[in-house]
């Protein structure tokens, strides 16, 4: 499927016994978001992901929060990844690769991406506490695992250093946002080509 650069949008609805998720994205947006997952810290991180990737995101989730946040976070990553993949279509003309070292106060995190059609996550991030407020820090990895798997991207995230767990998590989301922005932008020198010698990224 080919998606015109002027219409790189995607929407996914996902219903299970654990969650109800509705996501829509516009790759060529300006970072506007409407996000409601019922998990305050997660909403804040998703807002950062939208704002710094310049991908417009509309995300509404109702999940089994009486159990915990796991299903809500993972299923959001699944649906968001699928919506991004739909919006990219055959990935024609994209820059494909990007990396950044992103600083926030005392923390610095590296993210590198290949919008390759081949899902893979390398995660080298540690937290010094099991929770940020009421949010389980292990769910940061779960979100990016689901996102990478369903968006069809190879994603490497490495925290160089940091003392504040909120800052560490936020640099992960902001760094991934920035590489998503750069890698999915249209390269005017190859706007009509899929950036692979194989001729396909899906």
Protein backbone atom coordinates (compact mmCIF):
# COMPACT_ATOMS: atom_id res chain seq x y z
CA UNK A 1 0.00 0.00 0.00
CA UNK A 2 1.28 3.44 -0.90
CA UNK A 3 0.46 6.44 1.29
CA UNK A 4 0.83 9.91 -0.16
CA UNK A 5 3.08 12.22 1.82
CA UNK A 6 0.19 14.68 2.02
CA UNK A 7 -2.06 12.10 3.72
CA UNK A 8 0.07 10.21 6.18
CA UNK A 9 -2.65 9.44 8.71
CA UNK A 10 -3.69 6.26 10.44
CA UNK A 11 -6.34 5.14 12.90
CA UNK A 12 -6.71 1.96 14.95
CA UNK A 13 -9.39 0.74 17.33
CA UNK A 14 -8.57 -2.21 19.56
CA UNK A 15 -11.03 -3.98 21.86
CA UNK A 16 -10.16 -6.76 24.29
CA UNK A 17 -11.51 -7.99 27.62
CA UNK A 18 -8.84 -5.83 29.25
CA UNK A 19 -8.84 -2.56 27.32
CA UNK A 20 -10.65 -0.42 24.77
CA UNK A 21 -8.19 1.67 22.76
CA UNK A 22 -8.79 4.21 19.99
CA UNK A 23 -5.79 5.91 18.38
CA UNK A 24 -5.40 8.21 15.40
CA UNK A 25 -2.21 9.87 14.19
CA UNK A 26 -1.06 12.38 11.60
CA UNK A 27 2.65 11.99 10.85
CA UNK A 28 2.77 15.44 9.26
CA UNK A 29 1.11 17.27 12.12
CA UNK A 30 2.49 19.85 14.52
CA UNK A 31 2.49 17.89 17.76
CA UNK A 32 -1.07 18.46 18.89
CA UNK A 33 -2.50 15.76 21.14
CA UNK A 34 -5.65 14.69 22.90
CA UNK A 35 -4.71 11.93 25.31
CA UNK A 36 -6.73 10.14 27.95
CA UNK A 37 -5.55 6.78 29.28
CA UNK A 38 -6.55 7.11 32.92
CA UNK A 39 -2.87 6.97 33.91
CA UNK A 40 -1.65 10.48 34.65
CA UNK A 41 2.11 9.97 34.30
CA UNK A 42 1.62 7.96 31.10
CA UNK A 43 -0.58 10.72 29.64
CA UNK A 44 2.23 13.18 30.38
CA UNK A 45 4.80 10.99 28.60
CA UNK A 46 2.55 10.47 25.57
CA UNK A 47 2.02 14.21 25.35
CA UNK A 48 5.82 14.59 25.21
CA UNK A 49 6.01 11.92 22.51
CA UNK A 50 3.48 13.79 20.38
CA UNK A 51 4.85 17.26 21.00
CA UNK A 52 8.47 16.47 20.19
CA UNK A 53 7.80 14.13 17.25
CA UNK A 54 5.35 16.67 15.75
CA UNK A 55 3.01 13.70 15.20
CA UNK A 56 -0.56 14.64 16.04
CA UNK A 57 -2.00 11.99 18.35
CA UNK A 58 -5.54 11.34 19.51
CA UNK A 59 -5.48 8.56 22.10
CA UNK A 60 -8.39 7.38 24.23
CA UNK A 61 -8.07 4.32 26.41
CA UNK A 62 -10.32 2.64 28.94
CA UNK A 63 -8.53 -0.17 30.73
CA UNK A 64 -8.67 -2.46 33.73
CA UNK A 65 -6.88 0.00 36.01
CA UNK A 66 -8.45 -1.69 39.04
CA UNK A 67 -5.90 -4.45 38.37
CA UNK A 68 -2.90 -2.33 37.39
CA UNK A 69 -1.61 -0.13 34.55
CA UNK A 70 0.09 -2.88 32.55
CA UNK A 71 -2.63 -3.73 30.02
CA UNK A 72 -3.45 -0.06 29.43
CA UNK A 73 0.17 0.87 28.73
CA UNK A 74 0.98 -2.16 26.57
CA UNK A 75 -2.20 -2.00 24.51
CA UNK A 76 -1.69 1.72 23.92
CA UNK A 77 1.76 0.92 22.54
CA UNK A 78 0.29 -1.77 20.29
CA UNK A 79 -2.42 0.47 18.85
CA UNK A 80 -0.15 3.51 18.49
CA UNK A 81 2.46 1.42 16.69
CA UNK A 82 -0.16 0.01 14.32
CA UNK A 83 -1.53 3.49 13.60
CA UNK A 84 1.94 4.84 12.84
CA UNK A 85 2.64 1.90 10.52
CA UNK A 86 -0.64 2.51 8.68
CA UNK A 87 0.15 6.21 8.35
CA UNK A 88 3.58 5.48 6.86
CA UNK A 89 2.17 3.16 4.19
CA UNK A 90 5.00 1.75 2.06
CA UNK A 91 7.40 4.23 3.75
CA UNK A 92 8.27 5.77 0.42
CA UNK A 93 10.53 8.82 0.62
CA UNK A 94 11.24 8.72 4.35
CA UNK A 95 14.68 9.45 5.77
CA UNK A 96 14.44 6.09 7.57
CA UNK A 97 17.36 6.48 10.03
CA UNK A 98 17.96 8.88 12.92
CA UNK A 99 19.73 9.09 16.26
CA UNK A 100 20.04 11.63 19.05
CA UNK A 101 21.60 12.14 22.46
CA UNK A 102 18.99 14.07 24.41
CA UNK A 103 19.72 15.92 27.66
CA UNK A 104 17.30 16.96 30.38
CA UNK A 105 18.84 18.44 33.50
CA UNK A 106 21.11 15.73 34.96
CA UNK A 107 19.91 12.96 32.60
CA UNK A 108 20.99 12.03 29.11
CA UNK A 109 19.48 9.33 26.89
CA UNK A 110 20.40 8.13 23.41
CA UNK A 111 17.80 6.88 20.94
CA UNK A 112 18.51 5.46 17.50
CA UNK A 113 15.91 4.26 15.02
CA UNK A 114 15.59 2.43 11.72
CA UNK A 115 12.06 2.63 10.30
CA UNK A 116 12.83 -0.64 8.62
CA UNK A 117 9.70 -2.76 8.70
CA UNK A 118 11.66 -5.11 10.98
CA UNK A 119 10.63 -4.77 14.64
CA UNK A 120 13.33 -4.93 17.28
CA UNK A 121 13.97 -3.19 20.60
CA UNK A 122 17.31 -2.84 22.37
CA UNK A 123 16.68 -1.39 25.81
CA UNK A 124 19.54 -0.29 28.06
CA UNK A 125 17.74 1.82 30.64
CA UNK A 126 17.68 1.29 34.40
CA UNK A 127 15.63 2.96 37.09
CA UNK A 128 16.63 3.23 40.73
CA UNK A 129 13.07 2.81 42.03
CA UNK A 130 10.16 0.57 41.03
CA UNK A 131 7.73 3.47 40.72
CA UNK A 132 7.47 7.08 39.61
CA UNK A 133 4.60 8.20 41.80
CA UNK A 134 2.16 5.34 41.27
CA UNK A 135 3.50 4.39 37.82
CA UNK A 136 5.58 1.20 37.50
CA UNK A 137 8.92 2.10 35.91
CA UNK A 138 9.12 -1.31 34.19
CA UNK A 139 6.17 -0.23 32.04
CA UNK A 140 8.33 2.28 30.19
CA UNK A 141 10.09 -0.61 28.48
CA UNK A 142 6.80 -2.46 27.93
CA UNK A 143 5.41 0.55 26.07
CA UNK A 144 8.40 0.90 23.75
CA UNK A 145 8.51 -2.86 23.14
CA UNK A 146 4.87 -2.78 22.01
CA UNK A 147 5.42 0.37 19.95
CA UNK A 148 8.48 -0.98 18.13
CA UNK A 149 6.90 -4.37 17.46
CA UNK A 150 3.72 -2.94 15.97
CA UNK A 151 5.18 0.07 14.15
CA UNK A 152 7.74 -2.15 12.44
CA UNK A 153 10.76 -0.21 13.67
CA UNK A 154 14.16 -1.10 15.02
CA UNK A 155 14.63 1.02 18.14
CA UNK A 156 17.63 1.31 20.44
CA UNK A 157 17.31 3.30 23.68
CA UNK A 158 20.19 3.78 26.11
CA UNK A 159 20.27 5.99 29.18
CA UNK A 160 23.81 7.32 29.59
CA UNK A 161 23.19 8.65 33.10
CA UNK A 162 20.64 10.28 35.36
CA UNK A 163 19.61 10.55 38.99
CA UNK A 164 15.92 11.47 38.81
CA UNK A 165 13.69 8.65 37.55
CA UNK A 166 11.10 11.05 36.15
CA UNK A 167 13.84 12.72 34.11
CA UNK A 168 15.20 9.38 32.91
CA UNK A 169 11.77 8.29 31.70
CA UNK A 170 11.07 11.65 30.11
CA UNK A 171 14.37 11.68 28.21
CA UNK A 172 13.45 8.26 26.81
CA UNK A 173 10.12 9.54 25.47
CA UNK A 174 11.58 12.80 24.18
CA UNK A 175 14.55 11.11 22.52
CA UNK A 176 12.32 8.56 20.79
CA UNK A 177 10.03 11.40 19.73
CA UNK A 178 12.87 13.28 18.09
CA UNK A 179 14.19 10.28 16.16
CA UNK A 180 10.67 9.39 15.04
CA UNK A 181 10.31 12.92 13.73
CA UNK A 182 13.60 12.86 11.84
CA UNK A 183 13.33 9.32 10.46
CA UNK A 184 9.76 9.67 9.20
CA UNK A 185 10.30 13.03 7.50
CA UNK A 186 10.29 13.00 3.72
CA UNK A 187 13.76 13.26 2.18
CA UNK A 188 13.26 15.49 -0.91
CA UNK A 189 16.16 13.77 -2.69
CA UNK A 190 14.35 10.42 -2.68
CA UNK A 191 10.70 11.39 -2.23
CA UNK A 192 9.51 8.89 -4.84
CA UNK A 193 11.64 5.97 -3.68
CA UNK A 194 11.49 3.45 -0.87
CA UNK A 195 14.80 3.90 1.01
CA UNK A 196 16.02 0.32 0.62
CA UNK A 197 17.98 -1.51 -2.06
CA UNK A 198 15.39 -4.30 -1.67
CA UNK A 199 12.68 -1.89 -2.84
CA UNK A 200 10.44 -2.62 0.14
CA UNK A 201 10.32 -1.82 3.87
CA UNK A 202 7.13 -3.77 4.65
